[in-house]
Amino acid sequence: MDTLRIDEIARRLLESVPPGLQSLRQDLESNFRAVLRASLSKLDLVSRDEFEAQVRVLERTRARLEELEKRLAELGGGAAAAGGNAAPGGAGPTPGGPAEAH
C-alpha cells in the first residue's frame, strides 16, 4: 500500500481522536502510521497494476479456452458425422451390418 493511502488512513484516525488528546496529535500520528505500515506489510497484498495485469491474463486465458473448446466440439462433431455406423476406432462394419453374410 502506498504512503499516500497510509497517510490518509492515519489522518482519518486522528480526526476521530477526542479534542482533549489533540495535544498528542503528532505522537499519535507517527504511531498510527507505524502501526499501519507494520500491519499492512504482513498482509499478502498486490498493487493495483499487478492485479489489473493478472485480470488481463485471465481474460485472455478464458477466451483461448473457449476458442479451444469450440474447436474441439467442431472436431468431435465432424468425426461423429463422418463415421456413420463405424465402431469406435474405425474397426470396420458393425455386427448385423450390410457386410455380414447370411
Protein backbone atom coordinates (compact mmCIF):
# COMPACT_ATOMS: atom_id res chain seq x y z
CA MET A 1 0.00 0.00 0.00
CA ASP A 2 1.43 3.36 -0.91
CA THR A 3 2.37 6.07 1.56
CA LEU A 4 -0.42 8.42 0.47
CA ARG A 5 -3.09 5.91 1.40
CA ILE A 6 -1.45 5.16 4.73
CA ASP A 7 -1.28 8.89 5.44
CA GLU A 8 -4.96 9.24 4.54
CA ILE A 9 -5.94 6.43 6.92
CA ALA A 10 -3.77 7.93 9.67
CA ARG A 11 -5.40 11.34 9.11
CA ARG A 12 -8.87 9.82 9.39
CA LEU A 13 -7.89 8.11 12.63
CA LEU A 14 -6.56 11.41 14.00
CA GLU A 15 -9.84 13.12 13.18
CA SER A 16 -11.64 10.64 15.41
CA VAL A 17 -9.36 11.39 18.39
CA PRO A 18 -11.19 13.28 21.17
CA PRO A 19 -10.33 17.01 21.41
CA GLY A 20 -8.62 16.56 24.79
CA LEU A 21 -5.97 14.36 23.17
CA GLN A 22 -5.24 16.68 20.25
CA SER A 23 -2.12 17.90 22.06
CA LEU A 24 -0.67 14.43 21.46
CA ARG A 25 -1.53 14.67 17.78
CA GLN A 26 1.97 14.45 16.31
CA ASP A 27 2.91 11.49 18.52
CA LEU A 28 -0.36 9.71 17.72
CA GLU A 29 0.04 10.37 14.01
CA SER A 30 3.50 8.83 13.85
CA ASN A 31 2.35 5.85 15.93
CA PHE A 32 -0.71 5.34 13.70
CA ARG A 33 1.50 5.36 10.61
CA ALA A 34 3.98 2.92 12.13
CA VAL A 35 1.24 0.51 13.20
CA LEU A 36 -0.48 0.74 9.82
CA ARG A 37 2.73 0.12 7.88
CA ALA A 38 3.70 -2.81 10.07
CA SER A 39 0.25 -4.39 9.88
CA LEU A 40 -0.18 -3.86 6.15
CA SER A 41 3.29 -5.17 5.34
CA LYS A 42 2.32 -8.52 6.89
CA LEU A 43 -0.61 -8.89 4.50
CA ASP A 44 -0.13 -10.63 1.19
CA LEU A 45 -1.26 -7.71 -0.99
CA VAL A 46 -0.57 -6.87 -4.62
CA SER A 47 -0.57 -3.49 -6.25
CA ARG A 48 -3.47 -2.37 -8.44
CA ASP A 49 -1.19 -2.61 -11.50
CA GLU A 50 -0.27 -6.22 -10.71
CA PHE A 51 -3.92 -7.08 -10.11
CA GLU A 52 -5.01 -5.50 -13.40
CA ALA A 53 -2.25 -7.35 -15.26
CA GLN A 54 -3.48 -10.65 -13.84
CA VAL A 55 -7.07 -9.79 -14.78
CA ARG A 56 -5.95 -9.26 -18.40
CA VAL A 57 -4.05 -12.58 -18.39
CA LEU A 58 -7.12 -14.37 -17.04
CA GLU A 59 -9.38 -12.77 -19.67
CA ARG A 60 -7.03 -13.88 -22.48
CA THR A 61 -6.82 -17.38 -20.99
CA ARG A 62 -10.61 -17.68 -20.77
CA ALA A 63 -11.00 -16.52 -24.37
CA ARG A 64 -8.39 -19.04 -25.55
CA LEU A 65 -10.05 -21.83 -23.56
CA GLU A 66 -13.44 -21.02 -25.11
CA GLU A 67 -11.85 -20.99 -28.56
CA LEU A 68 -10.22 -24.38 -27.97
CA GLU A 69 -13.44 -25.86 -26.55
CA LYS A 70 -15.31 -24.68 -29.66
CA ARG A 71 -12.70 -26.23 -31.96
CA LEU A 72 -12.80 -29.46 -30.00
CA ALA A 73 -16.59 -29.59 -30.27
CA GLU A 74 -16.36 -28.94 -34.04
CA LEU A 75 -13.75 -31.68 -34.47
CA GLY A 76 -15.76 -34.08 -32.34
CA GLY A 77 -18.99 -33.30 -34.20
CA GLY A 78 -17.29 -33.69 -37.59
CA ALA A 79 -15.79 -37.06 -36.68
CA ALA A 80 -19.15 -38.42 -35.47
CA ALA A 81 -20.91 -37.31 -38.67
CA ALA A 82 -18.23 -38.80 -40.95
CA GLY A 83 -18.11 -42.11 -39.06
CA GLY A 84 -21.74 -43.10 -39.58
CA ASN A 85 -22.21 -46.63 -38.14
CA ALA A 86 -18.50 -47.27 -37.74
CA ALA A 87 -17.41 -48.74 -34.42
CA PRO A 88 -15.22 -46.61 -32.19
CA GLY A 89 -11.71 -46.56 -33.54
CA GLY A 90 -12.85 -47.30 -37.11
CA ALA A 91 -12.69 -51.09 -36.64
CA GLY A 92 -14.97 -51.83 -39.60
CA PRO A 93 -18.67 -52.57 -40.01
CA THR A 94 -20.86 -53.20 -37.03
CA PRO A 95 -22.37 -56.66 -36.46
CA GLY A 96 -25.56 -57.14 -38.41
CA GLY A 97 -24.48 -54.55 -40.98
CA PRO A 98 -24.56 -54.95 -44.76
CA ALA A 99 -21.13 -56.67 -44.96
CA GLU A 100 -22.28 -59.64 -42.86
CA ALA A 101 -23.30 -62.69 -44.93
CA HIS A 102 -26.30 -64.90 -44.02
